[in-house]
Amino acid sequence: MSARGDWRAGLPGGRWAGGLLFLTVLMATSYYTVVIGWLLLYLLRTLTTGLGGVDASALFAEVTGDLPAQAAATARIGYSSIIRGARSAGES
């Protein structure tokens, strides 16, 4: 008898289903992270330059094409959320 025992826990195909679920969650998180980055960058550009006389499709193309700025905006909100959560956890 091995140290782990001769039994197996879980359902047949459970590892495969778990892996599929993990990939699904990872892809959804990636998608929503990108969308949040677009929204934050769009908000930043709206607050700093306004929207008067701006073509919406050109602005969207500019925002979605600016990957470094989008990544920075997403990282900023993610970092601030983590710090805020850590601070509130430390207060209780």
PDB file of N, CA and C in Angstrom:
ATOM      1  N   MET A   1       0.850  -1.185   0.000  1.00  0.00           N
ATOM      2  CA  MET A   1       0.000   0.000   0.000  1.00  0.00           C
ATOM      3  C   MET A   1       0.889   1.240   0.000  1.00  0.00           C
ATOM      4  N   SER A   2       0.558   2.199  -0.829  1.00  0.00           N
ATOM      5  CA  SER A   2       1.358   3.408  -0.915  1.00  0.00           C
ATOM      6  C   SER A   2       1.016   4.362   0.235  1.00  0.00           C
ATOM      7  N   ALA A   3       1.848   5.396   0.376  1.00  0.00           N
ATOM      8  CA  ALA A   3       1.632   6.367   1.451  1.00  0.00           C
ATOM      9  C   ALA A   3       0.338   7.145   1.237  1.00  0.00           C
ATOM     10  N   ARG A   4      -0.055   7.328   0.000  1.00  0.00           N
ATOM     11  CA  ARG A   4      -1.282   8.073  -0.297  1.00  0.00           C
ATOM     12  C   ARG A   4      -2.521   7.214  -0.155  1.00  0.00           C
ATOM     13  N   GLY A   5      -2.359   5.955  -0.147  1.00  0.00           N
ATOM     14  CA  GLY A   5      -3.513   5.066  -0.101  1.00  0.00           C
ATOM     15  C   GLY A   5      -3.873   4.591  -1.498  1.00  0.00           C
ATOM     16  N   ASP A   6      -4.784   3.674  -1.572  1.00  0.00           N
ATOM     17  CA  ASP A   6      -5.183   3.119  -2.860  1.00  0.00           C
ATOM     18  C   ASP A   6      -6.530   3.656  -3.349  1.00  0.00           C
ATOM     19  N   TRP A   7      -7.012   4.725  -2.771  1.00  0.00           N
ATOM     20  CA  TRP A   7      -8.286   5.277  -3.189  1.00  0.00           C
ATOM     21  C   TRP A   7      -8.070   6.561  -3.973  1.00  0.00           C
ATOM     22  N   ARG A   8      -9.020   6.891  -4.763  1.00  0.00           N
ATOM     23  CA  ARG A   8      -8.974   8.125  -5.554  1.00  0.00           C
ATOM     24  C   ARG A   8     -10.225   8.928  -5.242  1.00  0.00           C
ATOM     25  N   ALA A   9     -10.039  10.196  -4.951  1.00  0.00           N
ATOM     26  CA  ALA A   9     -11.175  11.067  -4.658  1.00  0.00           C
ATOM     27  C   ALA A   9     -11.634  11.774  -5.923  1.00  0.00           C
ATOM     28  N   GLY A  10     -12.876  12.177  -5.925  1.00  0.00           N
ATOM     29  CA  GLY A  10     -13.395  12.952  -7.046  1.00  0.00           C
ATOM     30  C   GLY A  10     -14.164  12.118  -8.042  1.00  0.00           C
ATOM     31  N   LEU A  11     -14.735  12.805  -8.987  1.00  0.00           N
ATOM     32  CA  LEU A  11     -15.522  12.162 -10.023  1.00  0.00           C
ATOM     33  C   LEU A  11     -14.657  11.835 -11.231  1.00  0.00           C
ATOM     34  N   PRO A  12     -15.059  10.855 -12.025  1.00  0.00           N
ATOM     35  CA  PRO A  12     -14.316  10.588 -13.261  1.00  0.00           C
ATOM     36  C   PRO A  12     -14.346  11.816 -14.171  1.00  0.00           C
ATOM     37  N   GLY A  13     -13.202  12.186 -14.674  1.00  0.00           N
ATOM     38  CA  GLY A  13     -13.120  13.363 -15.534  1.00  0.00           C
ATOM     39  C   GLY A  13     -13.095  14.666 -14.761  1.00  0.00           C
ATOM     40  N   GLY A  14     -12.951  14.595 -13.455  1.00  0.00           N
ATOM     41  CA  GLY A  14     -12.972  15.794 -12.629  1.00  0.00           C
ATOM     42  C   GLY A  14     -11.793  16.713 -12.891  1.00  0.00           C
ATOM     43  N   ARG A  15     -10.619  16.149 -13.122  1.00  0.00           N
ATOM     44  CA  ARG A  15      -9.444  16.984 -13.427  1.00  0.00           C
ATOM     45  C   ARG A  15      -9.652  17.739 -14.731  1.00  0.00           C
ATOM     46  N   TRP A  16     -10.201  17.054 -15.717  1.00  0.00           N
ATOM     47  CA  TRP A  16     -10.448  17.686 -17.012  1.00  0.00           C
ATOM     48  C   TRP A  16     -11.473  18.806 -16.868  1.00  0.00           C
ATOM     49  N   ALA A  17     -12.553  18.558 -16.138  1.00  0.00           N
ATOM     50  CA  ALA A  17     -13.582  19.571 -15.934  1.00  0.00           C
ATOM     51  C   ALA A  17     -13.029  20.753 -15.142  1.00  0.00           C
ATOM     52  N   GLY A  18     -12.206  20.473 -14.143  1.00  0.00           N
ATOM     53  CA  GLY A  18     -11.594  21.542 -13.362  1.00  0.00           C
ATOM     54  C   GLY A  18     -10.669  22.399 -14.207  1.00  0.00           C
ATOM     55  N   GLY A  19      -9.887  21.754 -15.068  1.00  0.00           N
ATOM     56  CA  GLY A  19      -9.001  22.495 -15.970  1.00  0.00           C
ATOM     57  C   GLY A  19      -9.784  23.361 -16.938  1.00  0.00           C
ATOM     58  N   LEU A  20     -10.877  22.824 -17.462  1.00  0.00           N
ATOM     59  CA  LEU A  20     -11.723  23.590 -18.371  1.00  0.00           C
ATOM     60  C   LEU A  20     -12.357  24.780 -17.654  1.00  0.00           C
ATOM     61  N   LEU A  21     -12.801  24.563 -16.435  1.00  0.00           N
ATOM     62  CA  LEU A  21     -13.377  25.656 -15.652  1.00  0.00           C
ATOM     63  C   LEU A  21     -12.330  26.730 -15.372  1.00  0.00           C
ATOM     64  N   PHE A  22     -11.118  26.326 -15.027  1.00  0.00           N
ATOM     65  CA  PHE A  22     -10.047  27.282 -14.773  1.00  0.00           C
ATOM     66  C   PHE A  22      -9.757  28.118 -16.016  1.00  0.00           C
ATOM     67  N   LEU A  23      -9.656  27.490 -17.176  1.00  0.00           N
ATOM     68  CA  LEU A  23      -9.393  28.225 -18.416  1.00  0.00           C
ATOM     69  C   LEU A  23     -10.540  29.185 -18.750  1.00  0.00           C
ATOM     70  N   THR A  24     -11.767  28.762 -18.500  1.00  0.00           N
ATOM     71  CA  THR A  24     -12.922  29.617 -18.760  1.00  0.00           C
ATOM     72  C   THR A  24     -12.882  30.860 -17.884  1.00  0.00           C
ATOM     73  N   VAL A  25     -12.599  30.673 -16.605  1.00  0.00           N
ATOM     74  CA  VAL A  25     -12.528  31.805 -15.685  1.00  0.00           C
ATOM     75  C   VAL A  25     -11.360  32.715 -16.062  1.00  0.00           C
ATOM     76  N   LEU A  26     -10.224  32.133 -16.434  1.00  0.00           N
ATOM     77  CA  LEU A  26      -9.066  32.922 -16.837  1.00  0.00           C
ATOM     78  C   LEU A  26      -9.375  33.771 -18.067  1.00  0.00           C
ATOM     79  N   MET A  27     -10.046  33.194 -19.048  1.00  0.00           N
ATOM     80  CA  MET A  27     -10.389  33.938 -20.261  1.00  0.00           C
ATOM     81  C   MET A  27     -11.411  35.038 -19.964  1.00  0.00           C
ATOM     82  N   ALA A  28     -12.394  34.750 -19.124  1.00  0.00           N
ATOM     83  CA  ALA A  28     -13.387  35.772 -18.775  1.00  0.00           C
ATOM     84  C   ALA A  28     -12.732  36.914 -18.011  1.00  0.00           C
ATOM     85  N   THR A  29     -11.827  36.583 -17.102  1.00  0.00           N
ATOM     86  CA  THR A  29     -11.124  37.616 -16.343  1.00  0.00           C
ATOM     87  C   THR A  29     -10.282  38.475 -17.278  1.00  0.00           C
ATOM     88  N   SER A  30      -9.613  37.854 -18.223  1.00  0.00           N
ATOM     89  CA  SER A  30      -8.813  38.603 -19.192  1.00  0.00           C
ATOM     90  C   SER A  30      -9.689  39.541 -20.007  1.00  0.00           C
ATOM     91  N   TYR A  31     -10.829  39.052 -20.445  1.00  0.00           N
ATOM     92  CA  TYR A  31     -11.746  39.867 -21.241  1.00  0.00           C
ATOM     93  C   TYR A  31     -12.209  41.082 -20.448  1.00  0.00           C
ATOM     94  N   TYR A  32     -12.684  40.856 -19.239  1.00  0.00           N
ATOM     95  CA  TYR A  32     -13.200  41.967 -18.450  1.00  0.00           C
ATOM     96  C   TYR A  32     -12.100  42.933 -18.018  1.00  0.00           C
ATOM     97  N   THR A  33     -10.885  42.443 -17.845  1.00  0.00           N
ATOM     98  CA  THR A  33      -9.763  43.325 -17.540  1.00  0.00           C
ATOM     99  C   THR A  33      -9.503  44.272 -18.703  1.00  0.00           C
ATOM    100  N   VAL A  34      -9.570  43.764 -19.908  1.00  0.00           N
ATOM    101  CA  VAL A  34      -9.375  44.605 -21.099  1.00  0.00           C
ATOM    102  C   VAL A  34     -10.490  45.646 -21.201  1.00  0.00           C
ATOM    103  N   VAL A  35     -11.724  45.232 -20.978  1.00  0.00           N
ATOM    104  CA  VAL A  35     -12.851  46.163 -21.069  1.00  0.00           C
ATOM    105  C   VAL A  35     -12.746  47.245 -19.991  1.00  0.00           C
ATOM    106  N   ILE A  36     -12.358  46.863 -18.776  1.00  0.00           N
ATOM    107  CA  ILE A  36     -12.171  47.856 -17.713  1.00  0.00           C
ATOM    108  C   ILE A  36     -11.072  48.838 -18.104  1.00  0.00           C
ATOM    109  N   GLY A  37     -10.012  48.351 -18.709  1.00  0.00           N
ATOM    110  CA  GLY A  37      -8.952  49.235 -19.188  1.00  0.00           C
ATOM    111  C   GLY A  37      -9.459  50.225 -20.220  1.00  0.00           C
ATOM    112  N   TRP A  38     -10.305  49.771 -21.143  1.00  0.00           N
ATOM    113  CA  TRP A  38     -10.891  50.672 -22.131  1.00  0.00           C
ATOM    114  C   TRP A  38     -11.724  51.744 -21.446  1.00  0.00           C
ATOM    115  N   LEU A  39     -12.553  51.323 -20.510  1.00  0.00           N
ATOM    116  CA  LEU A  39     -13.429  52.275 -19.826  1.00  0.00           C
ATOM    117  C   LEU A  39     -12.634  53.318 -19.045  1.00  0.00           C
ATOM    118  N   LEU A  40     -11.598  52.869 -18.353  1.00  0.00           N
ATOM    119  CA  LEU A  40     -10.798  53.808 -17.571  1.00  0.00           C
ATOM    120  C   LEU A  40     -10.060  54.799 -18.459  1.00  0.00           C
ATOM    121  N   LEU A  41      -9.501  54.308 -19.544  1.00  0.00           N
ATOM    122  CA  LEU A  41      -8.797  55.200 -20.456  1.00  0.00           C
ATOM    123  C   LEU A  41      -9.771  56.169 -21.134  1.00  0.00           C
ATOM    124  N   TYR A  42     -10.939  55.672 -21.505  1.00  0.00           N
ATOM    125  CA  TYR A  42     -11.966  56.529 -22.093  1.00  0.00           C
ATOM    126  C   TYR A  42     -12.402  57.599 -21.098  1.00  0.00           C
ATOM    127  N   LEU A  43     -12.602  57.219 -19.839  1.00  0.00           N
ATOM    128  CA  LEU A  43     -12.971  58.182 -18.805  1.00  0.00           C
ATOM    129  C   LEU A  43     -11.879  59.218 -18.611  1.00  0.00           C
ATOM    130  N   LEU A  44     -10.636  58.775 -18.565  1.00  0.00           N
ATOM    131  CA  LEU A  44      -9.516  59.696 -18.399  1.00  0.00           C
ATOM    132  C   LEU A  44      -9.450  60.696 -19.551  1.00  0.00           C
ATOM    133  N   ARG A  45      -9.586  60.204 -20.770  1.00  0.00           N
ATOM    134  CA  ARG A  45      -9.541  61.105 -21.927  1.00  0.00           C
ATOM    135  C   ARG A  45     -10.740  62.042 -21.943  1.00  0.00           C
ATOM    136  N   THR A  46     -11.895  61.570 -21.504  1.00  0.00           N
ATOM    137  CA  THR A  46     -13.077  62.419 -21.448  1.00  0.00           C
ATOM    138  C   THR A  46     -12.899  63.536 -20.433  1.00  0.00           C
ATOM    139  N   LEU A  47     -12.352  63.196 -19.265  1.00  0.00           N
ATOM    140  CA  LEU A  47     -12.162  64.197 -18.222  1.00  0.00           C
ATOM    141  C   LEU A  47     -11.077  65.211 -18.572  1.00  0.00           C
ATOM    142  N   THR A  48     -10.056  64.781 -19.288  1.00  0.00           N
ATOM    143  CA  THR A  48      -8.950  65.690 -19.581  1.00  0.00           C
ATOM    144  C   THR A  48      -9.178  66.524 -20.838  1.00  0.00           C
ATOM    145  N   THR A  49      -9.773  65.962 -21.882  1.00  0.00           N
ATOM    146  CA  THR A  49      -9.921  66.697 -23.137  1.00  0.00           C
ATOM    147  C   THR A  49     -11.360  66.988 -23.514  1.00  0.00           C
ATOM    148  N   GLY A  50     -12.313  66.339 -22.889  1.00  0.00           N
ATOM    149  CA  GLY A  50     -13.721  66.531 -23.240  1.00  0.00           C
ATOM    150  C   GLY A  50     -14.067  65.774 -24.506  1.00  0.00           C
ATOM    151  N   LEU A  51     -15.333  65.800 -24.865  1.00  0.00           N
ATOM    152  CA  LEU A  51     -15.791  65.069 -26.045  1.00  0.00           C
ATOM    153  C   LEU A  51     -16.366  65.979 -27.126  1.00  0.00           C
ATOM    154  N   GLY A  52     -16.228  67.272 -26.981  1.00  0.00           N
ATOM    155  CA  GLY A  52     -16.793  68.196 -27.959  1.00  0.00           C
ATOM    156  C   GLY A  52     -16.178  68.021 -29.341  1.00  0.00           C
ATOM    157  N   GLY A  53     -17.005  67.712 -30.324  1.00  0.00           N
ATOM    158  CA  GLY A  53     -16.545  67.589 -31.699  1.00  0.00           C
ATOM    159  C   GLY A  53     -15.689  66.377 -31.992  1.00  0.00           C
ATOM    160  N   VAL A  54     -15.729  65.360 -31.154  1.00  0.00           N
ATOM    161  CA  VAL A  54     -14.912  64.164 -31.350  1.00  0.00           C
ATOM    162  C   VAL A  54     -15.764  63.081 -32.002  1.00  0.00           C
ATOM    163  N   ASP A  55     -15.203  62.444 -33.032  1.00  0.00           N
ATOM    164  CA  ASP A  55     -15.870  61.316 -33.675  1.00  0.00           C
ATOM    165  C   ASP A  55     -15.750  60.100 -32.757  1.00  0.00           C
ATOM    166  N   ALA A  56     -16.890  59.520 -32.368  1.00  0.00           N
ATOM    167  CA  ALA A  56     -16.899  58.424 -31.401  1.00  0.00           C
ATOM    168  C   ALA A  56     -16.119  57.213 -31.903  1.00  0.00           C
ATOM    169  N   SER A  57     -16.249  56.872 -33.177  1.00  0.00           N
ATOM    170  CA  SER A  57     -15.540  55.696 -33.690  1.00  0.00           C
ATOM    171  C   SER A  57     -14.029  55.938 -33.726  1.00  0.00           C
ATOM    172  N   ALA A  58     -13.614  57.154 -34.023  1.00  0.00           N
ATOM    173  CA  ALA A  58     -12.183  57.468 -34.015  1.00  0.00           C
ATOM    174  C   ALA A  58     -11.632  57.421 -32.594  1.00  0.00           C
ATOM    175  N   LEU A  59     -12.414  57.902 -31.631  1.00  0.00           N
ATOM    176  CA  LEU A  59     -11.978  57.856 -30.243  1.00  0.00           C
ATOM    177  C   LEU A  59     -11.864  56.420 -29.759  1.00  0.00           C
ATOM    178  N   PHE A  60     -12.835  55.576 -30.113  1.00  0.00           N
ATOM    179  CA  PHE A  60     -12.785  54.170 -29.719  1.00  0.00           C
ATOM    180  C   PHE A  60     -11.582  53.483 -30.338  1.00  0.00           C
ATOM    181  N   ALA A  61     -11.301  53.765 -31.612  1.00  0.00           N
ATOM    182  CA  ALA A  61     -10.137  53.172 -32.266  1.00  0.00           C
ATOM    183  C   ALA A  61      -8.852  53.636 -31.597  1.00  0.00           C
ATOM    184  N   GLU A  62      -8.806  54.891 -31.179  1.00  0.00           N
ATOM    185  CA  GLU A  62      -7.623  55.406 -30.491  1.00  0.00           C
ATOM    186  C   GLU A  62      -7.447  54.741 -29.126  1.00  0.00           C
ATOM    187  N   VAL A  63      -8.533  54.608 -28.393  1.00  0.00           N
ATOM    188  CA  VAL A  63      -8.470  54.021 -27.056  1.00  0.00           C
ATOM    189  C   VAL A  63      -8.098  52.533 -27.126  1.00  0.00           C
ATOM    190  N   THR A  64      -8.709  51.802 -28.043  1.00  0.00           N
ATOM    191  CA  THR A  64      -8.430  50.365 -28.125  1.00  0.00           C
ATOM    192  C   THR A  64      -7.072  50.088 -28.748  1.00  0.00           C
ATOM    193  N   GLY A  65      -6.522  51.035 -29.473  1.00  0.00           N
ATOM    194  CA  GLY A  65      -5.222  50.823 -30.093  1.00  0.00           C
ATOM    195  C   GLY A  65      -4.057  51.229 -29.210  1.00  0.00           C
ATOM    196  N   ASP A  66      -4.328  51.866 -28.089  1.00  0.00           N
ATOM    197  CA  ASP A  66      -3.273  52.350 -27.204  1.00  0.00           C
ATOM    198  C   ASP A  66      -3.062  51.353 -26.067  1.00  0.00           C
ATOM    199  N   LEU A  67      -2.423  50.228 -26.369  1.00  0.00           N
ATOM    200  CA  LEU A  67      -2.276  49.144 -25.401  1.00  0.00           C
ATOM    201  C   LEU A  67      -1.466  49.533 -24.166  1.00  0.00           C
ATOM    202  N   PRO A  68      -0.341  50.236 -24.270  1.00  0.00           N
ATOM    203  CA  PRO A  68       0.381  50.596 -23.038  1.00  0.00           C
ATOM    204  C   PRO A  68      -0.440  51.473 -22.092  1.00  0.00           C
ATOM    205  N   ALA A  69      -1.173  52.445 -22.621  1.00  0.00           N
ATOM    206  CA  ALA A  69      -2.003  53.295 -21.773  1.00  0.00           C
ATOM    207  C   ALA A  69      -3.148  52.496 -21.164  1.00  0.00           C
ATOM    208  N   GLN A  70      -3.715  51.584 -21.938  1.00  0.00           N
ATOM    209  CA  GLN A  70      -4.788  50.733 -21.437  1.00  0.00           C
ATOM    210  C   GLN A  70      -4.273  49.822 -20.325  1.00  0.00           C
ATOM    211  N   ALA A  71      -3.119  49.235 -20.520  1.00  0.00           N
ATOM    212  CA  ALA A  71      -2.540  48.358 -19.496  1.00  0.00           C
ATOM    213  C   ALA A  71      -2.222  49.139 -18.236  1.00  0.00           C
ATOM    214  N   ALA A  72      -1.737  50.356 -18.385  1.00  0.00           N
ATOM    215  CA  ALA A  72      -1.432  51.191 -17.223  1.00  0.00           C
ATOM    216  C   ALA A  72      -2.700  51.556 -16.460  1.00  0.00           C
ATOM    217  N   ALA A  73      -3.761  51.903 -17.173  1.00  0.00           N
ATOM    218  CA  ALA A  73      -5.022  52.244 -16.513  1.00  0.00           C
ATOM    219  C   ALA A  73      -5.597  51.037 -15.784  1.00  0.00           C
ATOM    220  N   THR A  74      -5.530  49.880 -16.397  1.00  0.00           N
ATOM    221  CA  THR A  74      -6.030  48.663 -15.759  1.00  0.00           C
ATOM    222  C   THR A  74      -5.198  48.312 -14.539  1.00  0.00           C
ATOM    223  N   ALA A  75      -3.884  48.423 -14.648  1.00  0.00           N
ATOM    224  CA  ALA A  75      -3.013  48.130 -13.514  1.00  0.00           C
ATOM    225  C   ALA A  75      -3.263  49.103 -12.372  1.00  0.00           C
ATOM    226  N   ARG A  76      -3.502  50.362 -12.712  1.00  0.00           N
ATOM    227  CA  ARG A  76      -3.758  51.379 -11.694  1.00  0.00           C
ATOM    228  C   ARG A  76      -4.996  51.034 -10.882  1.00  0.00           C
ATOM    229  N   ILE A  77      -6.082  50.674 -11.539  1.00  0.00           N
ATOM    230  CA  ILE A  77      -7.310  50.358 -10.814  1.00  0.00           C
ATOM    231  C   ILE A  77      -7.161  49.043 -10.053  1.00  0.00           C
ATOM    232  N   GLY A  78      -6.478  48.083 -10.638  1.00  0.00           N
ATOM    233  CA  GLY A  78      -6.256  46.823  -9.939  1.00  0.00           C
ATOM    234  C   GLY A  78      -5.402  47.004  -8.704  1.00  0.00           C
ATOM    235  N   TYR A  79      -4.336  47.763  -8.831  1.00  0.00           N
ATOM    236  CA  TYR A  79      -3.440  48.015  -7.704  1.00  0.00           C
ATOM    237  C   TYR A  79      -4.158  48.770  -6.599  1.00  0.00           C
ATOM    238  N   SER A  80      -4.920  49.804  -6.983  1.00  0.00           N
ATOM    239  CA  SER A  80      -5.616  50.582  -5.954  1.00  0.00           C
ATOM    240  C   SER A  80      -6.686  49.747  -5.260  1.00  0.00           C
ATOM    241  N   SER A  81      -7.331  48.844  -5.991  1.00  0.00           N
ATOM    242  CA  SER A  81      -8.323  47.965  -5.372  1.00  0.00           C
ATOM    243  C   SER A  81      -7.675  47.011  -4.386  1.00  0.00           C
ATOM    244  N   ILE A  82      -6.517  46.481  -4.744  1.00  0.00           N
ATOM    245  CA  ILE A  82      -5.811  45.558  -3.855  1.00  0.00           C
ATOM    246  C   ILE A  82      -5.338  46.288  -2.606  1.00  0.00           C
ATOM    247  N   ILE A  83      -4.763  47.474  -2.773  1.00  0.00           N
ATOM    248  CA  ILE A  83      -4.280  48.240  -1.630  1.00  0.00           C
ATOM    249  C   ILE A  83      -5.443  48.627  -0.716  1.00  0.00           C
ATOM    250  N   ARG A  84      -6.543  49.083  -1.321  1.00  0.00           N
ATOM    251  CA  ARG A  84      -7.710  49.459  -0.520  1.00  0.00           C
ATOM    252  C   ARG A  84      -8.248  48.263   0.253  1.00  0.00           C
ATOM    253  N   GLY A  85      -8.292  47.108  -0.399  1.00  0.00           N
ATOM    254  CA  GLY A  85      -8.766  45.892   0.273  1.00  0.00           C
ATOM    255  C   GLY A  85      -7.829  45.461   1.394  1.00  0.00           C
ATOM    256  N   ALA A  86      -6.532  45.578   1.160  1.00  0.00           N
ATOM    257  CA  ALA A  86      -5.567  45.206   2.198  1.00  0.00           C
ATOM    258  C   ALA A  86      -5.649  46.151   3.394  1.00  0.00           C
ATOM    259  N   ARG A  87      -5.842  47.417   3.115  1.00  0.00           N
ATOM    260  CA  ARG A  87      -5.963  48.391   4.217  1.00  0.00           C
ATOM    261  C   ARG A  87      -7.229  48.142   5.037  1.00  0.00           C
ATOM    262  N   SER A  88      -8.331  47.888   4.360  1.00  0.00           N
ATOM    263  CA  SER A  88      -9.574  47.648   5.099  1.00  0.00           C
ATOM    264  C   SER A  88      -9.506  46.331   5.870  1.00  0.00           C
ATOM    265  N   ALA A  89      -8.800  45.350   5.351  1.00  0.00           N
ATOM    266  CA  ALA A  89      -8.648  44.085   6.067  1.00  0.00           C
ATOM    267  C   ALA A  89      -7.770  44.279   7.305  1.00  0.00           C
ATOM    268  N   GLY A  90      -6.791  45.168   7.199  1.00  0.00           N
ATOM    269  CA  GLY A  90      -5.922  45.427   8.326  1.00  0.00           C
ATOM    270  C   GLY A  90      -6.581  46.228   9.432  1.00  0.00           C
ATOM    271  N   GLU A  91      -7.632  46.970   9.089  1.00  0.00           N
ATOM    272  CA  GLU A  91      -8.319  47.792  10.084  1.00  0.00           C
ATOM    273  C   GLU A  91      -9.274  46.983  10.953  1.00  0.00           C
ATOM    274  N   SER A  92      -9.725  45.849  10.444  1.00  0.00           N
ATOM    275  CA  SER A  92     -10.706  45.075  11.217  1.00  0.00           C
ATOM    276  C   SER A  92     -10.073  44.044  12.094  1.00  0.00           C
TER     277      SER A  92
END
